[in-house]
Amino acid sequence: MPEGRRGPALAAAGDALWDIGNPIEEGESVAETWANVRGRLAYLHVKDIRAHAGGFEPALPGGGVVPLADIAALLKGAGFDGWLSFEWEKGWHPSIAEPEVALPRYLSAMRRLLA
């Protein structure tokens, strides 16, 4: 979406969902995304991603390019009390770790980062 249209479109949207990997895949910085969703954030899809030949794929926390600690600091600083959803897209990326491995690691990482 052209920069000039982004602000009004988001302002009219109401509550925001932040799928933290998607804007990064599109080249948007965390700071830019945060400026667009801050104050309206109701729900957060938490994941880390790493680049591969075909684009991006899920990564275990800390194994990709998503600055989870920076995002957690933003959430804590804003007093965020909405929902976190841990995404693990095994169906689309069969070579990644099993959910039984990934989900406990995300839970542990986010508990530590948000403490």
Protein backbone atom coordinates (compact mmCIF):
# COMPACT_ATOMS: atom_id res chain seq x y z
CA MET A 1 0.00 0.00 0.00
CA PRO A 2 1.43 3.43 -0.83
CA GLU A 3 2.76 5.28 2.21
CA GLY A 4 0.31 8.15 1.77
CA ARG A 5 -2.67 5.79 2.11
CA ARG A 6 -1.38 3.65 4.97
CA GLY A 7 -2.18 5.99 7.88
CA PRO A 8 -5.87 6.71 7.14
CA ALA A 9 -6.58 3.11 6.18
CA LEU A 10 -5.17 1.82 9.47
CA ALA A 11 -6.79 4.58 11.51
CA ALA A 12 -10.21 3.51 10.24
CA ALA A 13 -9.57 -0.18 10.89
CA GLY A 14 -10.09 -0.20 14.68
CA ASP A 15 -8.30 -2.85 16.74
CA ALA A 16 -5.13 -4.24 15.21
CA LEU A 17 -3.63 -7.68 14.82
CA TRP A 18 0.15 -7.71 14.50
CA ASP A 19 1.54 -10.80 12.82
CA ILE A 20 5.13 -9.89 13.62
CA GLY A 21 6.80 -11.82 10.82
CA ASN A 22 4.73 -10.53 7.91
CA PRO A 23 5.81 -6.86 7.92
CA ILE A 24 9.43 -7.94 8.30
CA GLU A 25 9.06 -10.21 5.26
CA GLU A 26 7.85 -7.15 3.35
CA GLY A 27 10.80 -5.02 4.47
CA GLU A 28 9.00 -2.96 7.11
CA SER A 29 10.90 -2.20 10.30
CA VAL A 30 9.54 -3.09 13.73
CA ALA A 31 9.55 0.62 14.59
CA GLU A 32 7.38 1.43 11.57
CA THR A 33 4.93 -1.37 12.30
CA TRP A 34 4.78 -0.40 15.97
CA ALA A 35 3.96 3.21 15.01
CA ASN A 36 1.04 1.88 12.96
CA VAL A 37 -0.43 -0.48 15.58
CA ARG A 38 0.49 1.10 18.92
CA GLY A 39 -2.54 2.03 20.95
CA ARG A 40 -4.80 -0.23 18.87
CA LEU A 41 -3.06 -3.57 19.30
CA ALA A 42 -5.42 -6.27 20.53
CA TYR A 43 -3.76 -9.46 19.34
CA LEU A 44 -0.23 -10.53 18.43
CA HIS A 45 0.94 -13.48 16.33
CA VAL A 46 4.36 -14.39 17.73
CA LYS A 47 6.90 -16.14 15.55
CA ASP A 48 10.46 -15.93 14.36
CA ILE A 49 11.37 -16.37 10.69
CA ARG A 50 14.49 -17.04 8.68
CA ALA A 51 15.21 -16.52 5.01
CA HIS A 52 15.61 -19.48 2.69
CA ALA A 53 15.73 -19.93 -1.09
CA GLY A 54 11.95 -19.64 -1.52
CA GLY A 55 11.39 -16.73 0.87
CA PHE A 56 10.91 -17.15 4.61
CA GLU A 57 10.06 -20.03 6.92
CA PRO A 58 9.32 -20.29 10.64
CA ALA A 59 12.30 -20.53 12.98
CA LEU A 60 12.63 -21.45 16.62
CA PRO A 61 12.77 -18.35 18.85
CA GLY A 62 16.09 -16.60 18.39
CA GLY A 63 16.85 -18.60 15.25
CA GLY A 64 15.60 -16.04 12.78
CA VAL A 65 15.47 -12.32 12.03
CA VAL A 66 12.55 -11.20 14.22
CA PRO A 67 13.82 -9.09 17.15
CA LEU A 68 11.64 -10.75 19.78
CA ALA A 69 13.38 -8.98 22.71
CA ASP A 70 12.81 -5.56 21.11
CA ILE A 71 9.15 -6.36 20.44
CA ALA A 72 8.68 -7.62 24.01
CA ALA A 73 10.19 -4.37 25.32
CA LEU A 74 7.74 -2.35 23.22
CA LEU A 75 4.81 -4.40 24.51
CA LYS A 76 5.93 -4.09 28.14
CA GLY A 77 6.54 -0.37 27.79
CA ALA A 78 3.05 0.15 26.40
CA GLY A 79 1.39 -2.00 29.07
CA PHE A 80 0.05 -4.41 26.44
CA ASP A 81 -2.39 -6.87 27.99
CA GLY A 82 -3.88 -8.43 24.86
CA TRP A 83 -3.54 -11.93 23.47
CA LEU A 84 -0.42 -13.63 22.14
CA SER A 85 -0.75 -16.47 19.65
CA PHE A 86 2.26 -18.62 18.87
CA GLU A 87 2.26 -19.51 15.18
CA TRP A 88 3.96 -22.65 13.98
CA GLU A 89 3.09 -23.44 10.38
CA LYS A 90 4.17 -27.07 10.15
CA GLY A 91 1.51 -27.81 7.52
CA TRP A 92 3.06 -25.28 5.12
CA HIS A 93 6.67 -25.96 6.14
CA PRO A 94 7.01 -29.71 6.82
CA SER A 95 10.78 -29.56 7.38
CA ILE A 96 10.60 -27.35 10.49
CA ALA A 97 10.66 -28.74 14.04
CA GLU A 98 7.63 -30.51 15.44
CA PRO A 99 5.09 -28.37 17.34
CA GLU A 100 5.90 -30.35 20.50
CA VAL A 101 9.41 -28.87 20.29
CA ALA A 102 8.59 -25.36 19.05
CA LEU A 103 5.64 -24.34 21.21
CA PRO A 104 7.29 -24.97 24.61
CA ARG A 105 10.35 -23.02 23.42
CA TYR A 106 8.18 -20.08 22.42
CA LEU A 107 6.30 -20.18 25.70
CA SER A 108 9.56 -20.18 27.64
CA ALA A 109 11.10 -17.42 25.49
CA MET A 110 8.09 -15.11 25.74
CA ARG A 111 7.66 -15.67 29.47
CA ARG A 112 11.31 -14.71 29.94
CA LEU A 113 11.11 -11.69 27.62
CA LEU A 114 7.86 -10.35 29.08
CA ALA A 115 8.79 -10.92 32.76
